[in-house]
């Protein structure tokens, strides 16, 4: 197994086409009030909700590589899917408009909302994205990739009849398929791990990075980055939509595709993929009293806004694992904030007591 320097890895990644959409590096700082209550000496937060594009979020990093790929294929339209309050879809619509492309969003009703004019949807409409609302077979669960791509293929045929050149990309920019044949989303989060390791106080790497895991590329890229740098950092994914036995093969597939795409000489196995599905609650996008409580608590103690679909569940998982002594008291734990905060305004009736 080869250990690479950050410079070597950055040079490899620099060969890939990229459009600049983000303000990097995003901030990293210590939380002051939460750690002591939960037996942690050091809890830091990586603010990828501050990437700078349309309220920010982890998807902006991915879109720098994905939209560069779309432009290289001479696409004029980007078609993707997500749930009703998908931050991925908002980020895609904003990035597409910035790059002169038409955004087409297929939004699956994995949960019910009283209004379709709030939160991420409001901003998508301001961006004049072409929005298609679709039903799902199972509430509280995203459609599988094959089903979603069948739907997108129909939409693509409609767009081609209008003379457009569509680029199809999976939810979260994670799984290869459609027009994307390389794990470009994971590539962006390998770069994030390099950035994070360079920001750590005293140059001591984190013992754990905790992240909400929804489509897989963020966790996969972080894992590959940590292994390539020779770090002992464990990347802990808190599942927000699927059980870990369903989800682990996806994270593994994305990670291995990234290793192959870059020609890295590193070893990965399933022990590197740490997932917890204990915090799914009532299902994807369904806001519980526990989620409302954690959002209020973190906001009041740290002035930090979490979103109700991803980061609130990830913080519930992190603090529960701390209570259960999964982390050692001396461990350096980093919480990766992946964004999605505009969704708060669509779930107000569930969040307010």
Protein backbone atom coordinates (compact mmCIF):
# COMPACT_ATOMS: atom_id res chain seq x y z
CA UNK A 1 0.00 0.00 0.00
CA UNK A 2 1.29 3.45 -0.98
CA UNK A 3 0.97 6.55 1.22
CA UNK A 4 0.64 9.75 -0.80
CA UNK A 5 1.36 13.33 0.15
CA UNK A 6 -1.36 15.95 -0.14
CA UNK A 7 0.61 17.58 -2.97
CA UNK A 8 0.74 14.32 -4.94
CA UNK A 9 -3.00 13.79 -4.56
CA UNK A 10 -3.84 17.39 -5.45
CA UNK A 11 -1.75 17.06 -8.61
CA UNK A 12 -3.68 13.91 -9.58
CA UNK A 13 -7.02 15.64 -9.00
CA UNK A 14 -5.92 18.79 -10.83
CA UNK A 15 -5.86 16.81 -14.09
CA UNK A 16 -9.65 16.50 -13.96
CA UNK A 17 -11.80 19.24 -15.57
CA UNK A 18 -13.35 21.56 -12.99
CA UNK A 19 -15.45 24.72 -12.91
CA UNK A 20 -15.13 26.94 -9.84
CA UNK A 21 -18.39 27.32 -7.93
CA UNK A 22 -17.31 27.39 -4.28
CA UNK A 23 -15.47 29.55 -1.77
CA UNK A 24 -12.81 27.26 -0.32
CA UNK A 25 -11.52 26.28 2.14
CA UNK A 26 -14.66 26.18 4.27
CA UNK A 27 -14.17 27.07 7.95
CA UNK A 28 -13.15 24.56 10.62
CA UNK A 29 -13.49 25.45 14.29
CA UNK A 30 -14.12 24.00 17.73
CA UNK A 31 -17.59 23.83 19.24
CA UNK A 32 -17.52 25.22 22.78
CA UNK A 33 -20.64 24.12 24.66
CA UNK A 34 -21.71 20.73 23.30
CA UNK A 35 -18.56 18.59 23.79
CA UNK A 36 -18.31 18.74 27.58
CA UNK A 37 -21.94 17.72 28.06
CA UNK A 38 -21.35 14.55 26.07
CA UNK A 39 -17.94 13.49 27.36
CA UNK A 40 -15.84 14.83 24.49
CA UNK A 41 -12.75 16.98 24.96
CA UNK A 42 -12.68 18.20 21.37
CA UNK A 43 -15.50 18.45 18.85
CA UNK A 44 -14.83 20.47 15.71
CA UNK A 45 -17.14 21.38 12.87
CA UNK A 46 -16.30 21.59 9.17
CA UNK A 47 -18.71 24.12 7.67
CA UNK A 48 -19.49 22.77 4.22
CA UNK A 49 -22.82 24.53 4.55
CA UNK A 50 -20.76 27.64 3.73
CA UNK A 51 -19.47 26.64 0.30
CA UNK A 52 -21.00 29.84 -1.10
CA UNK A 53 -23.40 28.66 -3.83
CA UNK A 54 -27.13 29.22 -3.12
CA UNK A 55 -27.02 28.81 0.69
CA UNK A 56 -24.14 26.34 0.45
CA UNK A 57 -23.85 22.60 0.96
CA UNK A 58 -21.59 19.66 0.24
CA UNK A 59 -23.06 19.16 -3.24
CA UNK A 60 -21.42 22.37 -4.52
CA UNK A 61 -18.00 20.73 -4.34
CA UNK A 62 -19.24 17.77 -6.37
CA UNK A 63 -20.84 19.97 -9.00
CA UNK A 64 -17.51 21.63 -9.79
CA UNK A 65 -16.39 18.37 -11.38
CA UNK A 66 -19.80 17.17 -12.58
CA UNK A 67 -20.72 20.33 -14.49
CA UNK A 68 -17.24 20.46 -16.00
CA UNK A 69 -17.98 16.97 -17.31
CA UNK A 70 -21.37 18.11 -18.64
CA UNK A 71 -19.77 21.04 -20.44
CA UNK A 72 -17.08 18.79 -21.91
CA UNK A 73 -19.91 16.67 -23.38
CA UNK A 74 -21.44 19.87 -24.85
CA UNK A 75 -24.63 19.46 -22.83
CA UNK A 76 -27.00 22.40 -22.52
CA UNK A 77 -29.35 20.78 -19.98
CA UNK A 78 -28.76 18.96 -16.68
CA UNK A 79 -31.38 16.46 -15.49
CA UNK A 80 -31.29 14.93 -12.02
CA UNK A 81 -33.56 13.80 -9.21
CA UNK A 82 -34.06 14.05 -5.46
CA UNK A 83 -36.79 14.46 -2.85
CA UNK A 84 -39.08 17.47 -2.48
CA UNK A 85 -36.65 19.47 -0.34
CA UNK A 86 -33.47 18.10 -1.92
CA UNK A 87 -30.47 20.35 -1.31
CA UNK A 88 -28.72 18.49 -4.14
CA UNK A 89 -31.39 19.63 -6.56
CA UNK A 90 -31.19 23.23 -5.38
CA UNK A 91 -27.40 23.24 -5.69
CA UNK A 92 -27.62 21.63 -9.14
CA UNK A 93 -30.14 24.21 -10.34
CA UNK A 94 -27.99 27.11 -9.08
CA UNK A 95 -24.77 25.66 -10.52
CA UNK A 96 -26.43 24.89 -13.86
CA UNK A 97 -27.75 28.45 -14.17
CA UNK A 98 -24.33 29.84 -13.28
CA UNK A 99 -22.79 27.72 -16.05
CA UNK A 100 -25.43 28.67 -18.61
CA UNK A 101 -27.24 25.30 -18.53
CA UNK A 102 -30.93 24.52 -18.11
CA UNK A 103 -31.78 22.62 -14.88
CA UNK A 104 -34.49 19.94 -14.97
CA UNK A 105 -35.36 18.49 -11.55
CA UNK A 106 -37.42 15.37 -10.91
CA UNK A 107 -38.60 15.62 -7.30
CA UNK A 108 -39.99 12.44 -5.76
CA UNK A 109 -42.64 12.74 -3.04
CA UNK A 110 -40.88 10.65 -0.39
CA UNK A 111 -42.78 12.69 2.22
CA UNK A 112 -45.71 15.11 2.27
CA UNK A 113 -45.46 18.89 2.61
CA UNK A 114 -48.28 21.34 3.15
CA UNK A 115 -46.69 23.78 0.66
CA UNK A 116 -44.48 23.34 -2.40
CA UNK A 117 -43.44 27.00 -2.37
CA UNK A 118 -41.08 27.04 0.62
CA UNK A 119 -37.48 26.16 1.44
CA UNK A 120 -35.37 24.70 -1.35
CA UNK A 121 -38.38 24.54 -3.68
CA UNK A 122 -38.93 28.29 -3.42
CA UNK A 123 -35.35 28.98 -4.47
CA UNK A 124 -35.54 26.41 -7.30
CA UNK A 125 -38.60 28.23 -8.62
CA UNK A 126 -36.77 31.56 -8.39
CA UNK A 127 -34.03 29.91 -10.46
CA UNK A 128 -36.76 28.96 -12.97
CA UNK A 129 -35.77 25.31 -12.87
CA UNK A 130 -37.98 22.91 -14.81
CA UNK A 131 -39.52 20.96 -11.90
CA UNK A 132 -41.35 17.64 -12.32
CA UNK A 133 -43.09 16.15 -9.24
CA UNK A 134 -43.21 12.33 -9.19
CA UNK A 135 -44.71 9.75 -6.85
CA UNK A 136 -42.73 7.01 -5.08
CA UNK A 137 -43.75 3.47 -4.32
CA UNK A 138 -42.60 3.58 -0.67
CA UNK A 139 -42.99 6.64 1.55
CA UNK A 140 -40.00 7.74 3.59
CA UNK A 141 -37.59 6.05 1.16
CA UNK A 142 -35.87 7.26 -2.00
CA UNK A 143 -36.51 5.42 -5.28
CA UNK A 144 -33.79 3.06 -6.41
CA UNK A 145 -31.33 4.23 -9.04
CA UNK A 146 -32.73 2.08 -11.86
CA UNK A 147 -36.27 3.34 -11.32
CA UNK A 148 -35.11 6.96 -11.15
CA UNK A 149 -32.97 6.71 -14.29
CA UNK A 150 -35.89 5.18 -16.20
CA UNK A 151 -37.90 8.25 -15.28
CA UNK A 152 -35.01 10.56 -16.22
CA UNK A 153 -34.59 8.80 -19.57
CA UNK A 154 -38.18 9.70 -20.47
CA UNK A 155 -37.57 13.31 -19.49
CA UNK A 156 -34.34 13.32 -21.54
CA UNK A 157 -36.21 12.10 -24.62
CA UNK A 158 -38.66 14.99 -24.22
CA UNK A 159 -35.79 17.47 -23.96
CA UNK A 160 -34.02 16.05 -27.01
CA UNK A 161 -37.22 16.44 -29.05
CA UNK A 162 -37.03 20.14 -28.14
CA UNK A 163 -33.47 20.25 -29.49
CA UNK A 164 -31.67 20.12 -26.13
CA UNK A 165 -28.56 18.07 -25.26
CA UNK A 166 -29.20 16.63 -21.79
CA UNK A 167 -26.71 15.41 -19.20
CA UNK A 168 -28.20 12.88 -16.75
CA UNK A 169 -26.71 12.57 -13.28
CA UNK A 170 -27.68 10.55 -10.21
CA UNK A 171 -29.02 11.95 -6.94
CA UNK A 172 -26.24 13.59 -4.95
CA UNK A 173 -23.87 13.21 -7.89
CA UNK A 174 -22.83 9.97 -6.22
CA UNK A 175 -23.39 6.78 -8.20
CA UNK A 176 -22.06 6.50 -11.72
CA UNK A 177 -24.69 6.12 -14.40
CA UNK A 178 -26.58 8.25 -16.87
CA UNK A 179 -24.03 10.61 -18.46
CA UNK A 180 -21.50 10.39 -15.60
CA UNK A 181 -19.12 7.44 -15.94
CA UNK A 182 -16.61 8.43 -13.23
CA UNK A 183 -17.18 8.95 -9.47
CA UNK A 184 -16.86 12.73 -9.68
CA UNK A 185 -18.79 13.41 -6.46
CA UNK A 186 -16.42 11.21 -4.46
CA UNK A 187 -13.43 12.88 -6.14
CA UNK A 188 -14.56 16.20 -4.65
CA UNK A 189 -14.70 14.72 -1.14
CA UNK A 190 -11.32 13.13 -1.41
CA UNK A 191 -10.15 16.69 -1.99
CA UNK A 192 -12.16 17.75 1.05
CA UNK A 193 -10.23 15.29 3.25
CA UNK A 194 -6.96 16.79 2.00
CA UNK A 195 -8.28 20.26 2.82
CA UNK A 196 -9.51 19.18 6.27
CA UNK A 197 -6.26 17.47 7.23
CA UNK A 198 -4.36 20.65 6.37
CA UNK A 199 -6.64 22.75 8.61
CA UNK A 200 -6.38 20.64 11.77
CA UNK A 201 -4.91 22.40 14.81
CA UNK A 202 -1.29 21.35 15.49
CA UNK A 203 -1.47 19.32 12.24
CA UNK A 204 -2.91 16.41 14.22
CA UNK A 205 -5.48 14.58 12.05
CA UNK A 206 -8.98 13.86 13.34
CA UNK A 207 -9.66 10.48 14.94
CA UNK A 208 -13.21 10.50 13.57
CA UNK A 209 -15.14 12.42 10.93
CA UNK A 210 -18.91 12.11 11.35
CA UNK A 211 -21.13 12.82 8.35
CA UNK A 212 -24.74 12.36 7.25
CA UNK A 213 -24.79 9.68 4.57
CA UNK A 214 -27.54 9.85 1.98
CA UNK A 215 -26.23 8.90 -1.46
CA UNK A 216 -22.71 7.72 -0.63
CA UNK A 217 -20.12 9.81 -2.47
CA UNK A 218 -19.27 12.17 0.39
CA UNK A 219 -18.41 9.31 2.73
CA UNK A 220 -16.66 7.31 0.01
CA UNK A 221 -14.45 10.25 -0.98
CA UNK A 222 -13.52 10.99 2.62
CA UNK A 223 -12.58 7.33 3.20
CA UNK A 224 -10.39 7.16 0.09
CA UNK A 225 -8.75 10.47 1.00
CA UNK A 226 -7.94 9.32 4.53
CA UNK A 227 -6.48 6.01 3.34
CA UNK A 228 -4.46 7.61 0.55
CA UNK A 229 -2.94 10.06 3.05
CA UNK A 230 -2.13 7.22 5.43
CA UNK A 231 -4.35 8.64 8.19
CA UNK A 232 -5.96 6.55 10.92
CA UNK A 233 -9.07 8.73 10.67
CA UNK A 234 -12.32 6.74 10.80
CA UNK A 235 -15.15 8.14 8.70
CA UNK A 236 -18.46 7.49 10.45
CA UNK A 237 -21.58 7.69 8.29
CA UNK A 238 -24.98 8.25 9.87
CA UNK A 239 -27.58 6.84 7.47
CA UNK A 240 -30.48 9.19 6.73
CA UNK A 241 -32.52 7.11 4.29
CA UNK A 242 -31.44 3.47 3.91
CA UNK A 243 -30.38 0.58 6.14
CA UNK A 244 -26.65 -0.01 6.29
CA UNK A 245 -26.86 -3.49 4.75
CA UNK A 246 -28.44 -1.89 1.65
CA UNK A 247 -26.17 1.12 1.71
CA UNK A 248 -22.71 -0.32 2.41
CA UNK A 249 -22.37 -1.90 -1.07
CA UNK A 250 -23.04 1.51 -2.63
CA UNK A 251 -20.37 3.27 -0.59
CA UNK A 252 -17.94 0.43 -1.35
CA UNK A 253 -18.66 0.61 -5.09
CA UNK A 254 -18.14 4.38 -5.25
CA UNK A 255 -14.91 4.19 -3.20
CA UNK A 256 -13.44 1.41 -5.35
CA UNK A 257 -14.36 3.25 -8.55
CA UNK A 258 -12.50 6.29 -7.25
CA UNK A 259 -9.42 4.24 -6.37
CA UNK A 260 -9.46 2.77 -9.89
CA UNK A 261 -10.09 6.11 -11.62
CA UNK A 262 -7.06 7.70 -9.93
CA UNK A 263 -4.86 4.59 -10.13
CA UNK A 264 -4.25 4.65 -6.38
CA UNK A 265 -2.28 1.83 -4.80
CA UNK A 266 -4.25 1.55 -1.58
CA UNK A 267 -6.28 -1.20 0.05
CA UNK A 268 -9.90 -0.82 1.13
CA UNK A 269 -12.21 -3.30 2.77
CA UNK A 270 -15.61 -3.22 4.46
CA UNK A 271 -14.05 -2.44 7.85
CA UNK A 272 -13.23 1.01 6.46
CA UNK A 273 -16.94 1.69 5.86
CA UNK A 274 -18.52 2.55 9.22
CA UNK A 275 -22.28 3.08 9.04
CA UNK A 276 -24.98 3.49 11.67
CA UNK A 277 -28.63 3.15 10.71
CA UNK A 278 -29.95 3.49 14.27
CA UNK A 279 -31.08 7.07 13.69
CA UNK A 280 -33.38 6.74 10.67
CA UNK A 281 -36.38 7.56 12.85
CA UNK A 282 -39.63 7.60 10.90
CA UNK A 283 -37.91 7.58 7.53
CA UNK A 284 -36.23 9.90 5.06
CA UNK A 285 -37.41 13.49 5.32
CA UNK A 286 -39.88 12.78 8.13
CA UNK A 287 -39.35 15.20 10.99
CA UNK A 288 -39.74 13.81 14.50
CA UNK A 289 -39.84 15.48 17.91
CA UNK A 290 -36.26 14.28 18.45
CA UNK A 291 -35.09 16.08 15.30
CA UNK A 292 -36.89 19.28 16.34
CA UNK A 293 -35.29 19.07 19.79
CA UNK A 294 -31.74 18.61 18.48
CA UNK A 295 -32.13 21.52 16.05
CA UNK A 296 -33.25 23.84 18.87
CA UNK A 297 -30.55 22.61 21.26
CA UNK A 298 -27.63 23.02 18.85
CA UNK A 299 -28.91 26.42 17.71
CA UNK A 300 -29.27 27.67 21.27
CA UNK A 301 -25.94 26.30 22.51
CA UNK A 302 -23.70 26.96 19.49
CA UNK A 303 -25.61 29.36 17.22
CA UNK A 304 -25.39 26.63 14.60
CA UNK A 305 -28.29 25.84 12.27
CA UNK A 306 -28.82 22.20 11.30
CA UNK A 307 -31.22 20.97 8.64
CA UNK A 308 -34.07 18.56 9.47
CA UNK A 309 -33.29 15.87 6.86
CA UNK A 310 -29.52 15.26 7.04
CA UNK A 311 -27.42 17.08 9.61
CA UNK A 312 -29.91 16.89 12.49
CA UNK A 313 -29.91 13.08 12.21
CA UNK A 314 -26.12 13.05 11.94
CA UNK A 315 -25.80 15.15 15.10
CA UNK A 316 -28.27 12.92 16.94
CA UNK A 317 -26.06 9.98 15.96
CA UNK A 318 -22.82 11.69 16.96
CA UNK A 319 -24.06 12.72 20.41
CA UNK A 320 -25.63 9.32 21.07
CA UNK A 321 -22.40 7.55 20.08
CA UNK A 322 -20.53 9.88 22.44
CA UNK A 323 -22.91 8.94 25.26
CA UNK A 324 -22.32 5.27 24.49
CA UNK A 325 -18.51 5.75 24.62
CA UNK A 326 -17.96 4.92 20.96
CA UNK A 327 -15.41 7.75 21.01
CA UNK A 328 -12.58 7.96 23.52
CA UNK A 329 -12.69 11.16 25.64
CA UNK A 330 -9.40 12.31 24.11
CA UNK A 331 -10.50 11.69 20.50
CA UNK A 332 -10.59 14.53 18.02
CA UNK A 333 -14.03 14.34 16.42
CA UNK A 334 -15.01 16.44 13.38
CA UNK A 335 -18.65 16.92 12.41
CA UNK A 336 -19.05 17.66 8.71
CA UNK A 337 -21.98 20.02 8.14
CA UNK A 338 -23.33 19.16 4.68
CA UNK A 339 -25.86 22.01 4.38
CA UNK A 340 -29.54 21.81 3.47
CA UNK A 341 -30.64 24.51 5.91
CA UNK A 342 -33.25 26.14 3.58
CA UNK A 343 -35.40 23.04 4.21
CA UNK A 344 -36.03 24.34 7.74
CA UNK A 345 -38.52 26.82 6.35
CA UNK A 346 -40.58 24.09 4.72
CA UNK A 347 -40.86 22.04 7.93
CA UNK A 348 -41.79 24.80 10.38
CA UNK A 349 -45.04 23.16 11.48
CA UNK A 350 -43.10 20.07 12.62
CA UNK A 351 -40.21 21.99 14.19
CA UNK A 352 -42.08 24.43 16.39
CA UNK A 353 -43.42 22.99 19.68
